[in-house]
Amino acid sequence: MAPYFIRSLVPRRQVRDASYRPLLEALLSISWVQWAQFWSGWLAWTCDAVDFFSVSLSVTRLQDQFHKDKTSSITTAITLTLLFRSVGAVVFGIISDRYGRKWPLVINLLLCAALELGSGFVQTFKQFLAVRSLFGVAMGGVWGLASATALENLPVEVRGLASGVLQQGYAVGYLFAAVMNLRLVPETSTTWRTLFWAAAGMSAFAAVIRAMVPESEIFLRAKAQERAHGTTTKNKTKVFMHQTSAMLKKHWVLCIYAVLLMTGFNFLSHGSQDLYPTYLTKTKGFDNYHSTVATIIGNCGAIAGGAIAGAVSQYIGRRLTIILFVLLIGAFIPLWILPSTFGALSAGAFWVQFGVQGAWGVIPIQLAEMSPPGFRATFPGVAYQLGNMVSSASSQIEATGGDNIRTTITGPDGKPQDVPDYATVQGILIGVVAAFVIIITIIGPENHGLQFEKHKAAFEEGNEEGGSVPTPTDEEKVLGSSETRSVETNEKS
């Protein structure tokens, strides 16, 4: 008989209790407050992406500004941002799981706005690297807080679709940044600085919107219960620290697995996106206008893929959906790197990003369902950003690879021109990473349809039990060495 982790990929009919509703009925039942919480989380993640991709879209201009010959010099800023994001994920994740979703996210977004604004005022390359490092700390907190804000108050029946839409805030943010780079930046005398200033204004706007939306119902209910029991802030902090320690001791294998999973996913996204405009201008000989348009087309594919994958995962499972979309990436890598025409390369960008962000569209709900009870901001956020930290060198790897692997194209003057072969470098990197993601997804756990909102908050006593039936150990789930109880049993409890 095949191992459990292989057999568990086969879709099976979900046993649904009397409370289960069709998708449309569940969507119609969502209140205005729940919609506001979802879209405020989506907006926060979208603005975070605008802030981040401002550097990716400005690599050439930044090289001219700071007099750097090598692309790898500028991509150091991207690497530093990714490295420091894990710090922000730990700090803001713990604060959010302890004090709520609302004000930690508001403060987080305001810090992002201030540091993004400062990025547009730097005068030296050292100043630029310092500010982008600090920005990484602020940026690291947003994803975990935004995903918890957006998903935890929605009905379980719509979380797959909502997960895909939420994650594609990242692609929408890249799209917004690309459009501003295409239309706004060339019309201003400050060029690349304008993009950073506009992005800062968007983050500040997202902070104002979140401040106007009520706190998560789960935290309001938990706080009311604690007040009724007369629990003090000191006691709640003590309970929180105890539960955090207990969670790490019990779920350390799951924590390691989640970091490995997110390492693969972050290599997949950053390896296919961060240096893509530079790849088109330097290896394919496109101008900034056409490279930006191709980037926009790719992000349209990303948005479509994320929403579709999130909805599909509600029916065939999270891991199987991820695997199918990653296989799609592999099928379209040749179209992504081999052609020389704008139309063909744009089509390749669309379908590769359809697969990349389709697989990513499942991640918010997969991590939320996988997370230990009461840690839905800290666990996904830290796992995601630690994966980012490990994969932070992706743009540096590609830039260095381009310095050493060269190709020849026909220059504007009709003469042969020696250029970095980013096509080969990116094709190899994404192919290897896609294979890794498939393997790590197959051996991993899945709690499809878990009603995690029934568990207690991290500062409530007994949250580790959470009122749910016992589940197999993390070692068994990750290695697939034994049968696990069905998700349907968990949902009935």
Protein backbone atom coordinates (compact mmCIF):
# COMPACT_ATOMS: atom_id res chain seq x y z
CA MET A 1 0.00 0.00 0.00
CA ALA A 2 1.23 3.51 -0.84
CA PRO A 3 2.30 5.79 2.04
CA TYR A 4 -0.42 7.90 3.60
CA PHE A 5 0.97 11.18 2.31
CA ILE A 6 0.52 9.88 -1.26
CA ARG A 7 -2.94 8.41 -0.73
CA SER A 8 -4.11 11.56 1.05
CA LEU A 9 -3.64 13.61 -2.13
CA VAL A 10 -6.53 11.78 -3.81
CA PRO A 11 -9.64 13.97 -3.52
CA ARG A 12 -12.43 12.48 -1.47
CA ARG A 13 -15.95 13.58 -0.80
CA GLN A 14 -16.11 15.78 2.26
CA VAL A 15 -18.54 14.75 4.97
CA ARG A 16 -20.58 17.86 5.70
CA ASP A 17 -22.67 18.46 8.78
CA ALA A 18 -26.00 20.25 8.86
CA SER A 19 -24.34 23.66 9.24
CA TYR A 20 -22.50 23.42 5.89
CA ARG A 21 -23.78 25.84 3.23
CA PRO A 22 -23.19 26.20 -0.53
CA LEU A 23 -20.60 28.80 -1.51
CA LEU A 24 -23.11 31.37 -2.80
CA GLU A 25 -25.25 31.11 0.33
CA ALA A 26 -22.17 31.50 2.53
CA LEU A 27 -21.05 34.57 0.55
CA LEU A 28 -24.46 36.17 0.94
CA SER A 29 -24.34 35.58 4.70
CA ILE A 30 -21.18 37.66 5.19
CA SER A 31 -21.85 40.89 7.07
CA TRP A 32 -20.60 44.34 6.10
CA VAL A 33 -18.15 44.25 9.00
CA GLN A 34 -16.73 40.90 7.84
CA TRP A 35 -16.36 42.25 4.30
CA ALA A 36 -14.66 45.38 5.68
CA GLN A 37 -12.21 43.26 7.70
CA PHE A 38 -11.41 41.11 4.67
CA TRP A 39 -10.82 44.02 2.29
CA SER A 40 -8.84 46.02 4.86
CA GLY A 41 -6.49 43.02 5.19
CA TRP A 42 -6.33 42.72 1.40
CA LEU A 43 -5.55 46.44 1.04
CA ALA A 44 -2.77 46.24 3.62
CA TRP A 45 -1.11 43.38 1.74
CA THR A 46 -1.58 45.17 -1.60
CA CYS A 47 0.10 48.34 -0.37
CA ASP A 48 2.90 46.26 1.14
CA ALA A 49 3.59 44.83 -2.31
CA VAL A 50 3.64 48.31 -3.90
CA ASP A 51 6.25 49.35 -1.34
CA PHE A 52 8.41 46.28 -1.96
CA PHE A 53 8.35 46.22 -5.76
CA SER A 54 9.27 49.88 -6.02
CA VAL A 55 12.90 48.72 -5.90
CA SER A 56 12.48 45.89 -8.44
CA LEU A 57 10.94 48.31 -10.96
CA SER A 58 13.65 50.93 -10.41
CA VAL A 59 16.83 48.83 -10.64
CA THR A 60 18.19 50.55 -13.76
CA ARG A 61 17.38 54.05 -12.49
CA LEU A 62 18.91 53.24 -9.10
CA GLN A 63 22.09 52.03 -10.83
CA ASP A 64 22.34 55.41 -12.57
CA GLN A 65 21.50 57.33 -9.37
CA PHE A 66 24.12 55.61 -7.22
CA HIS A 67 26.67 55.00 -10.02
CA LYS A 68 26.65 51.20 -9.77
CA ASP A 69 27.73 49.12 -12.76
CA LYS A 70 26.47 45.74 -11.53
CA THR A 71 22.82 44.82 -11.06
CA SER A 72 23.82 42.75 -8.02
CA SER A 73 24.78 45.95 -6.18
CA ILE A 74 21.19 47.24 -6.32
CA THR A 75 19.61 43.86 -5.60
CA THR A 76 21.47 43.95 -2.28
CA ALA A 77 18.66 46.26 -1.13
CA ILE A 78 16.08 43.58 -2.01
CA THR A 79 18.11 40.95 -0.16
CA LEU A 80 18.39 43.09 2.98
CA THR A 81 14.66 43.82 2.96
CA LEU A 82 13.87 40.11 2.76
CA LEU A 83 16.40 39.25 5.45
CA PHE A 84 14.94 41.63 8.01
CA ARG A 85 11.30 40.77 7.33
CA SER A 86 11.50 37.81 9.74
CA VAL A 87 12.25 40.22 12.61
CA GLY A 88 9.07 42.15 11.93
CA ALA A 89 7.06 38.96 11.61
CA VAL A 90 8.12 37.82 15.09
CA VAL A 91 7.60 41.19 16.77
CA PHE A 92 4.28 42.17 15.21
CA GLY A 93 2.95 38.59 15.13
CA ILE A 94 3.41 38.16 18.88
CA ILE A 95 1.92 41.59 19.57
CA SER A 96 -1.09 40.79 17.37
CA ASP A 97 -1.76 37.38 18.92
CA ARG A 98 -1.53 39.01 22.34
CA TYR A 99 -3.28 42.36 21.85
CA GLY A 100 -5.45 41.98 18.72
CA ARG A 101 -5.34 42.51 14.98
CA LYS A 102 -6.39 46.14 14.58
CA TRP A 103 -3.91 48.57 16.15
CA PRO A 104 -0.75 46.47 15.62
CA LEU A 105 -1.57 46.45 11.88
CA VAL A 106 -2.32 50.19 11.85
CA ILE A 107 1.04 50.97 13.50
CA ASN A 108 2.78 48.49 11.20
CA LEU A 109 1.39 50.19 8.07
CA LEU A 110 2.31 53.66 9.32
CA LEU A 111 5.90 52.51 9.87
CA CYS A 112 5.96 51.11 6.34
CA ALA A 113 4.70 54.45 5.02
CA ALA A 114 7.33 56.44 6.93
CA LEU A 115 10.22 54.24 5.79
CA GLU A 116 9.01 54.08 2.19
CA LEU A 117 8.78 57.88 2.22
CA GLY A 118 12.31 58.05 3.61
CA SER A 119 13.55 55.79 0.81
CA GLY A 120 12.66 58.51 -1.64
CA PHE A 121 14.78 61.11 0.14
CA VAL A 122 18.10 59.24 0.52
CA GLN A 123 21.18 60.72 -1.14
CA THR A 124 23.75 57.93 -0.84
CA PHE A 125 23.72 54.21 -1.48
CA LYS A 126 24.55 53.43 2.15
CA GLN A 127 21.57 55.47 3.28
CA PHE A 128 19.38 53.61 0.80
CA LEU A 129 20.51 50.20 2.10
CA ALA A 130 19.97 51.28 5.72
CA VAL A 131 16.44 52.53 5.11
CA ARG A 132 15.47 49.44 3.08
CA SER A 133 16.77 47.21 5.89
CA LEU A 134 14.56 49.03 8.41
CA PHE A 135 11.70 48.85 5.93
CA GLY A 136 12.14 45.07 5.88
CA VAL A 137 11.42 44.94 9.62
CA ALA A 138 8.20 46.91 9.17
CA MET A 139 7.15 45.02 6.07
CA GLY A 140 7.66 41.66 7.77
CA GLY A 141 4.73 42.15 10.12
CA VAL A 142 2.09 42.94 7.53
CA TRP A 143 1.39 39.56 5.93
CA GLY A 144 0.61 37.62 9.11
CA LEU A 145 -1.58 40.37 10.52
CA ALA A 146 -3.35 41.02 7.21
CA SER A 147 -4.12 37.34 6.58
CA ALA A 148 -5.43 36.82 10.12
CA THR A 149 -7.56 39.97 9.83
CA ALA A 150 -8.98 38.92 6.47
CA LEU A 151 -9.66 35.20 6.97
CA GLU A 152 -10.43 34.34 10.57
CA ASN A 153 -13.85 36.02 10.66
CA LEU A 154 -15.15 34.56 7.38
CA PRO A 155 -17.37 31.46 7.08
CA VAL A 156 -15.36 28.27 6.57
CA GLU A 157 -17.06 27.61 3.21
CA VAL A 158 -15.56 30.72 1.56
CA ARG A 159 -12.05 30.65 2.99
CA GLY A 160 -10.50 28.88 0.01
CA LEU A 161 -11.75 31.52 -2.43
CA ALA A 162 -10.94 34.30 0.04
CA SER A 163 -7.41 32.96 0.48
CA GLY A 164 -6.76 33.18 -3.25
CA VAL A 165 -8.17 36.70 -3.53
CA LEU A 166 -6.23 37.85 -0.45
CA GLN A 167 -2.89 36.54 -1.65
CA GLN A 168 -3.35 38.20 -5.02
CA GLY A 169 -3.28 41.54 -3.28
CA TYR A 170 0.46 40.98 -3.76
CA ALA A 171 0.05 40.76 -7.54
CA VAL A 172 -2.36 43.70 -7.56
CA GLY A 173 0.22 45.73 -5.64
CA TYR A 174 2.90 44.82 -8.18
CA LEU A 175 0.43 45.80 -10.90
CA PHE A 176 -0.23 49.20 -9.28
CA ALA A 177 3.51 49.80 -8.92
CA ALA A 178 4.11 48.83 -12.56
CA VAL A 179 1.38 51.17 -13.81
CA MET A 180 2.80 54.06 -11.77
CA ASN A 181 6.26 53.24 -13.09
CA LEU A 182 4.86 53.26 -16.61
CA ARG A 183 2.78 56.44 -16.47
CA LEU A 184 3.71 58.51 -13.43
CA VAL A 185 7.48 58.15 -13.07
CA PRO A 186 8.49 59.29 -16.61
CA GLU A 187 6.38 62.45 -16.22
CA THR A 188 8.15 63.71 -13.09
CA SER A 189 11.58 65.25 -12.63
CA THR A 190 12.24 63.13 -9.53
CA THR A 191 11.69 59.88 -11.51
CA TRP A 192 12.18 56.84 -9.23
CA ARG A 193 11.67 58.86 -6.04
CA THR A 194 8.10 59.62 -7.12
CA LEU A 195 7.27 55.91 -7.08
CA PHE A 196 8.44 55.56 -3.48
CA TRP A 197 6.53 58.65 -2.34
CA ALA A 198 3.32 57.48 -4.00
CA ALA A 199 3.70 54.04 -2.41
CA ALA A 200 4.13 55.66 1.01
CA GLY A 201 0.85 57.53 0.57
CA MET A 202 -0.94 54.27 -0.28
CA SER A 203 0.33 52.57 2.90
CA ALA A 204 -0.80 55.52 5.02
CA PHE A 205 -4.24 55.31 3.37
CA ALA A 206 -4.42 51.57 4.18
CA ALA A 207 -3.60 52.37 7.83
CA VAL A 208 -6.47 54.87 8.00
CA ILE A 209 -8.90 52.36 6.51
CA ARG A 210 -7.86 49.66 9.00
CA ALA A 211 -8.26 52.11 11.87
CA MET A 212 -11.88 52.67 10.81
CA VAL A 213 -12.72 48.94 10.76
CA PRO A 214 -13.67 47.13 14.01
CA GLU A 215 -11.39 44.68 15.80
CA SER A 216 -11.64 40.95 15.04
CA GLU A 217 -14.75 39.40 16.58
CA ILE A 218 -12.66 36.52 17.91
CA PHE A 219 -10.52 38.86 20.00
CA LEU A 220 -13.45 40.95 21.17
CA ARG A 221 -15.17 37.80 22.39
CA ALA A 222 -12.03 36.48 24.08
CA LYS A 223 -11.39 39.80 25.84
CA ALA A 224 -15.00 39.95 27.07
CA GLN A 225 -14.69 36.46 28.54
CA GLU A 226 -11.42 37.33 30.25
CA ARG A 227 -12.92 40.48 31.77
CA ALA A 228 -15.88 38.46 33.02
CA HIS A 229 -13.46 36.07 34.72
CA GLY A 230 -11.50 38.95 36.27
CA THR A 231 -8.23 38.02 34.54
CA THR A 232 -5.61 40.78 34.74
CA THR A 233 -3.26 41.93 31.98
CA LYS A 234 -0.33 40.48 33.92
CA ASN A 235 -2.04 37.09 34.11
CA LYS A 236 -2.91 37.17 30.40
CA THR A 237 0.70 37.93 29.49
CA LYS A 238 1.88 35.07 31.69
CA VAL A 239 -0.62 32.70 30.05
CA PHE A 240 0.42 33.91 26.60
CA MET A 241 4.11 33.26 27.24
CA HIS A 242 3.32 29.84 28.69
CA GLN A 243 1.17 28.91 25.68
CA THR A 244 3.85 30.14 23.27
CA SER A 245 6.48 27.97 24.95
CA ALA A 246 4.13 24.97 24.96
CA MET A 247 3.31 25.49 21.29
CA LEU A 248 6.98 25.49 20.27
CA LYS A 249 7.71 22.35 22.28
CA LYS A 250 4.73 20.48 20.86
CA HIS A 251 4.84 21.71 17.25
CA TRP A 252 8.55 22.15 16.55
CA VAL A 253 8.50 19.69 13.63
CA LEU A 254 5.53 21.52 12.12
CA CYS A 255 7.39 24.83 12.51
CA ILE A 256 10.42 23.47 10.65
CA TYR A 257 8.20 22.04 7.91
CA ALA A 258 6.36 25.36 7.47
CA VAL A 259 9.66 27.25 7.10
CA LEU A 260 10.86 24.76 4.46
CA LEU A 261 7.56 25.06 2.59
CA MET A 262 7.71 28.84 2.63
CA THR A 263 11.37 28.82 1.58
CA GLY A 264 10.38 27.01 -1.58
CA PHE A 265 7.42 29.28 -2.22
CA ASN A 266 9.43 32.46 -1.69
CA PHE A 267 12.18 31.28 -4.03
CA LEU A 268 9.40 30.56 -6.53
CA SER A 269 7.84 34.02 -6.36
CA HIS A 270 10.92 36.21 -5.89
CA GLY A 271 12.91 34.18 -8.40
CA SER A 272 10.26 34.75 -11.06
CA GLN A 273 9.37 38.37 -10.25
CA ASP A 274 12.06 40.50 -8.62
CA LEU A 275 14.49 40.60 -11.54
CA TYR A 276 11.95 40.06 -14.33
CA PRO A 277 11.90 43.68 -15.62
CA THR A 278 15.71 43.70 -15.62
CA TYR A 279 15.75 40.35 -17.46
CA LEU A 280 13.57 41.79 -20.23
CA THR A 281 15.62 44.98 -20.65
CA LYS A 282 19.10 43.47 -20.45
CA THR A 283 18.73 39.94 -21.88
CA LYS A 284 15.88 40.48 -24.35
CA GLY A 285 16.72 44.09 -25.28
CA PHE A 286 13.30 45.60 -24.46
CA ASP A 287 12.90 49.21 -23.43
CA ASN A 288 11.45 50.19 -20.03
CA TYR A 289 7.98 50.69 -21.52
CA HIS A 290 7.64 47.18 -23.00
CA SER A 291 9.27 45.48 -20.01
CA THR A 292 6.75 47.20 -17.72
CA VAL A 293 3.81 46.22 -19.96
CA ALA A 294 4.98 42.59 -19.94
CA THR A 295 5.19 42.79 -16.14
CA ILE A 296 1.61 44.08 -16.03
CA ILE A 297 0.43 41.21 -18.25
CA GLY A 298 2.18 38.72 -15.98
CA ASN A 299 0.45 40.17 -12.94
CA CYS A 300 -2.92 39.85 -14.65
CA GLY A 301 -2.18 36.13 -14.93
CA ALA A 302 -1.17 36.08 -11.28
CA ILE A 303 -4.44 37.65 -10.16
CA ALA A 304 -6.50 35.20 -12.20
CA GLY A 305 -4.49 32.19 -11.03
CA GLY A 306 -4.71 33.05 -7.36
CA ALA A 307 -8.47 33.50 -7.30
CA ILE A 308 -9.11 30.34 -9.33
CA ALA A 309 -6.72 28.19 -7.29
CA GLY A 310 -8.14 29.38 -3.99
CA ALA A 311 -11.66 28.44 -5.07
CA VAL A 312 -10.57 25.08 -6.51
CA SER A 313 -8.74 24.16 -3.30
CA GLN A 314 -12.03 24.29 -1.41
CA TYR A 315 -13.16 21.26 -3.42
CA ILE A 316 -10.06 19.17 -4.22
CA GLY A 317 -7.87 20.07 -1.24
CA ARG A 318 -5.04 22.50 -0.59
CA ARG A 319 -2.01 20.34 -1.41
CA LEU A 320 -3.36 18.83 -4.63
CA THR A 321 -4.22 22.31 -5.89
CA ILE A 322 -0.70 23.53 -5.13
CA ILE A 323 0.87 20.58 -6.95
CA LEU A 324 -1.28 21.04 -10.07
CA PHE A 325 -0.44 24.73 -10.36
CA VAL A 326 3.29 24.17 -9.79
CA LEU A 327 3.25 21.57 -12.56
CA LEU A 328 1.69 24.25 -14.76
CA ILE A 329 4.71 26.47 -14.04
CA GLY A 330 7.07 23.79 -15.31
CA ALA A 331 5.07 23.40 -18.50
CA PHE A 332 5.39 27.09 -19.39
CA ILE A 333 9.02 27.78 -18.42
CA PRO A 334 10.17 27.33 -22.07
CA LEU A 335 7.65 29.94 -23.27
CA TRP A 336 8.85 32.21 -20.46
CA ILE A 337 12.55 32.20 -21.44
CA LEU A 338 13.08 31.01 -25.05
CA PRO A 339 11.20 33.47 -27.33
CA SER A 340 12.51 36.87 -28.32
CA THR A 341 9.25 38.58 -29.31
CA PHE A 342 7.15 40.69 -26.97
CA GLY A 343 3.94 38.74 -27.59
CA ALA A 344 5.40 35.32 -26.86
CA LEU A 345 7.32 36.44 -23.77
CA SER A 346 4.24 38.23 -22.43
CA ALA A 347 2.21 35.05 -22.87
CA GLY A 348 4.91 33.12 -21.03
CA ALA A 349 4.84 35.67 -18.22
CA PHE A 350 1.05 35.38 -17.96
CA TRP A 351 1.01 31.60 -17.62
CA VAL A 352 4.06 31.28 -15.38
CA GLN A 353 2.61 33.84 -12.99
CA PHE A 354 -0.80 32.16 -13.29
CA GLY A 355 0.90 29.04 -11.90
CA VAL A 356 3.14 30.77 -9.36
CA GLN A 357 0.45 32.91 -7.78
CA GLY A 358 -2.14 30.19 -8.24
CA ALA A 359 -0.08 27.95 -5.96
CA TRP A 360 0.50 30.93 -3.67
CA GLY A 361 -3.23 31.61 -3.54
CA VAL A 362 -3.71 28.50 -1.41
CA ILE A 363 -0.99 29.42 1.08
CA PRO A 364 -2.87 31.84 3.40
CA ILE A 365 -5.61 29.32 4.18
CA GLN A 366 -3.21 26.35 4.16
CA LEU A 367 -0.98 28.01 6.78
CA ALA A 368 -3.98 29.22 8.80
CA GLU A 369 -5.44 25.69 8.94
CA MET A 370 -2.02 24.23 9.68
CA SER A 371 -1.25 26.71 12.47
CA PRO A 372 -1.40 25.70 16.15
CA PRO A 373 -4.58 27.07 17.77
CA GLY A 374 -4.34 30.67 18.94
CA PHE A 375 -1.26 31.57 16.86
CA ARG A 376 -2.75 32.43 13.47
CA ALA A 377 -0.80 35.71 13.20
CA THR A 378 2.52 34.60 14.66
CA PHE A 379 2.85 31.12 13.13
CA PRO A 380 2.00 31.90 9.47
CA GLY A 381 3.76 35.27 9.59
CA VAL A 382 7.00 33.96 11.08
CA ALA A 383 7.04 30.85 8.85
CA TYR A 384 6.46 33.01 5.80
CA GLN A 385 9.14 35.55 6.68
CA LEU A 386 11.72 32.97 7.77
CA GLY A 387 11.19 31.39 4.36
CA ASN A 388 11.72 34.85 2.92
CA MET A 389 14.95 35.17 4.89
CA VAL A 390 16.31 31.89 3.54
CA SER A 391 15.30 32.83 -0.02
CA SER A 392 16.42 36.45 0.31
CA ALA A 393 19.42 35.83 -1.92
CA SER A 394 17.25 34.83 -4.91
CA SER A 395 17.76 38.10 -6.77
CA GLN A 396 21.45 38.10 -5.83
CA ILE A 397 21.79 34.53 -7.16
CA GLU A 398 20.20 35.54 -10.43
CA ALA A 399 22.21 38.75 -10.75
CA THR A 400 25.49 36.95 -10.00
CA GLY A 401 24.50 34.14 -12.36
CA GLY A 402 23.91 36.73 -15.07
CA ASP A 403 27.37 38.18 -14.46
CA ASN A 404 28.92 34.77 -15.13
CA ILE A 405 26.56 33.25 -17.71
CA ARG A 406 26.52 35.46 -20.79
CA THR A 407 24.78 35.51 -24.14
CA THR A 408 24.89 37.67 -27.26
CA ILE A 409 22.04 39.75 -28.69
CA THR A 410 21.84 42.25 -31.52
CA GLY A 411 22.11 45.75 -30.08
CA PRO A 412 20.23 48.88 -31.22
CA ASP A 413 23.13 49.69 -33.54
CA GLY A 414 22.87 46.29 -35.24
CA LYS A 415 26.09 45.00 -33.71
CA PRO A 416 26.44 41.94 -31.42
CA GLN A 417 26.21 42.84 -27.74
CA ASP A 418 27.36 40.74 -24.77
CA VAL A 419 24.64 40.66 -22.08
CA PRO A 420 23.75 38.66 -18.93
CA ASP A 421 21.85 35.47 -19.76
CA TYR A 422 19.10 35.89 -17.17
CA ALA A 423 16.81 33.63 -19.20
CA THR A 424 18.97 30.55 -18.57
CA VAL A 425 19.61 31.50 -14.95
CA GLN A 426 15.93 32.05 -14.14
CA GLY A 427 14.82 28.95 -16.04
CA ILE A 428 17.19 26.70 -14.08
CA LEU A 429 16.35 28.30 -10.71
CA ILE A 430 12.57 28.14 -11.15
CA GLY A 431 12.70 24.57 -12.50
CA VAL A 432 14.68 23.32 -9.49
CA VAL A 433 12.55 25.22 -7.00
CA ALA A 434 9.30 23.98 -8.57
CA ALA A 435 10.46 20.39 -8.11
CA PHE A 436 11.33 21.10 -4.47
CA VAL A 437 7.92 22.68 -3.81
CA ILE A 438 6.11 19.65 -5.23
CA ILE A 439 8.09 17.26 -3.01
CA ILE A 440 7.72 19.31 0.19
CA THR A 441 3.99 19.75 -0.47
CA ILE A 442 3.41 16.02 -0.97
CA ILE A 443 4.96 15.05 2.36
CA GLY A 444 3.23 17.79 4.34
CA PRO A 445 0.08 17.96 6.49
CA GLU A 446 -3.32 19.31 5.53
CA ASN A 447 -6.25 20.27 7.74
CA HIS A 448 -8.68 21.07 4.95
CA GLY A 449 -11.81 22.79 6.24
CA LEU A 450 -10.62 23.10 9.84
CA GLN A 451 -12.86 25.46 11.81
CA PHE A 452 -10.01 27.18 13.62
CA GLU A 453 -12.22 30.02 14.82
CA LYS A 454 -13.60 27.67 17.50
CA HIS A 455 -10.24 27.57 19.28
CA LYS A 456 -9.29 29.96 22.05
CA ALA A 457 -6.98 32.95 21.66
CA ALA A 458 -3.35 32.57 22.66
CA PHE A 459 -3.77 34.52 25.90
CA GLU A 460 -6.62 32.27 27.12
CA GLU A 461 -5.83 29.37 29.38
CA GLY A 462 -6.15 25.96 27.79
CA ASN A 463 -5.92 27.20 24.22
CA GLU A 464 -3.64 24.33 23.25
CA GLU A 465 -6.52 21.94 23.75
CA GLY A 466 -8.94 24.31 22.06
CA GLY A 467 -11.84 21.92 22.48
CA SER A 468 -10.83 19.83 19.46
CA VAL A 469 -10.29 16.08 19.21
CA PRO A 470 -6.73 14.79 19.46
CA THR A 471 -4.78 14.89 16.24
CA PRO A 472 -1.69 12.94 15.15
CA THR A 473 1.73 14.28 16.06
CA ASP A 474 3.52 16.66 13.73
CA GLU A 475 6.15 13.99 13.02
CA GLU A 476 3.44 11.62 11.77
CA LYS A 477 1.78 14.30 9.65
CA VAL A 478 4.96 15.54 8.04
CA LEU A 479 6.52 12.15 7.38
CA GLY A 480 3.26 10.41 6.54
CA SER A 481 4.22 7.41 8.67
CA SER A 482 0.78 6.72 10.07
CA GLU A 483 -2.89 7.24 9.40
CA THR A 484 -4.46 10.45 10.64
CA ARG A 485 -7.97 11.08 11.70
CA SER A 486 -10.12 12.66 9.00
CA VAL A 487 -10.75 16.38 8.87
CA GLU A 488 -14.42 15.64 8.94
CA THR A 489 -14.09 14.21 12.46
CA ASN A 490 -12.36 17.39 13.58
CA GLU A 491 -15.11 19.51 12.10
CA LYS A 492 -17.81 17.59 13.95
CA SER A 493 -16.14 18.03 17.34
